[in-house]
Amino acid sequence: MQLDYDYLSRIRRAVALYTNRKTSNILDGDFHSIHRGRSMEFDDLKLYSFGDDVHDIDWKSSSRMGDILVRRYMTDRRHNVMFICDCKTAMQGDTLSGHPKKELALMTFGTIAYITGRNGADYALAIPRDNKTMISLFRSGPEHLEKLLYGYEEQIDKDHQVDASYVINQVMATVHKKMIIFYITDIDGLEKLDGDLLRAVTGEHDLLIMALEDAMLTGKVVFDNDSSLYEKFFVSRNKKLHEEELAIRKEIIENASYICKQNKAGLSIIDSEDKIIDATIDLLERYRHGYYGYVTAAV
C-alpha cells in the first residue's frame, strides 16, 4: 500500500462526517493524568527527557545546575498521546468481516492520531523494529502523521525479535511524560496481556486498547497464512470445531476484559474501517466515566 496525501484524505473524509457533533471534543474530559503543554503561563523547570521540545531548554538554569533543564508551561487541555502498535506477520491476515488487518491497523492509528492532532494534542508512535524499539518524537500535523504512517507501514507485517510487551516497557523507561496511550493490537495480543505490565502503565498513564478482530480459523473459505494454502473443507466447515473456536475466542476476550477492568484500562474491538470513529468515541466515553474493559465481551 502506498501512503500519501490521498490516504490522509481518506482519514479526513471519515473524520469530516463527525465534525459537527462528536469528534470536536473527543479528548476533553476528566482524564486522571495531569497533562502539560505550551501556553503563556510558566509553571516550573524539569530535567530534559526524550521527546521534550529543545526550544524549551532553559540554558541559563541548565548551566547553573549542571543538568539540561526545560521550562514547563501549564495548559488546560494539552495531551501527549502515545500510540504503541503491534507488528508481526499475523497482520497479513484478515479480520472477521474480511477486511485486511494491516489496512485496518494503519487506518485506526491514522484516524485517531489525526483526531488527536486536531484537538491540540501532540502524538508519537512506538513500534518494534528488529531487536529494538522505534519511538518517535511528540509532534502533530499532516507531515508528522504521514512520516509515522510510512514508518508503521514498513514494519507492521514483519516478525521482530522483540514484541509489543518489550515496546511498552521501553516506552515506560524512556518517555517521562504523562500520556494517553493507545495500544493497537489483535486477538493474539489480547491473549498475551499481562496484568502486572498493565498495572505499571495505568499507575501513571491512561491506557486505551484497540484490538482488531481476527478472522476465524473455521468458516466457509479459510486461508492459512503460515502454510500459504486454503484450509481443507472438512476442517474449516466442521461445526464442532467452529463452536470450540467461538468458545476459545470468547474466553480470550473475557479474560482480556477482566484484566483491563482490574487495571483501569479501556478496551474496544473492531473489524472494519467504518467502525473506527464510533468505537473510539465509545471507548473514550466509557473510560471517562470509569467503565473499563470491554463492555459487551461476546463474539
Foldseek 3Di string as FASTA:
>chain_A
DDDDVVNVVVLVVLVVVCVVHFLLCLQDFPDPAAAFDDDPAWDAKDADAPQDDPVQWDVVVCVVVVGTIGITGHDDREAEEEEQEWAEQLQCAAAQVGHRSLVQLLSLVLNVQQSCVSNNYWYWYWYDDAADIDIDHTDHDDVVSSVVSVVCSVGRNHDHPDTSLRRLVCCLVGDPGAHAYEYEEELVVLLPDDLVSLLSDLVRYAAEYEYEHHHFCADDWHADPVVRGIDDNCQNPPPVNVVVRQVVSLVSLVVSQVSFLVRLYAYDYDRDSSCSVVRSSVRSVCSSVRNHGYPPSHD
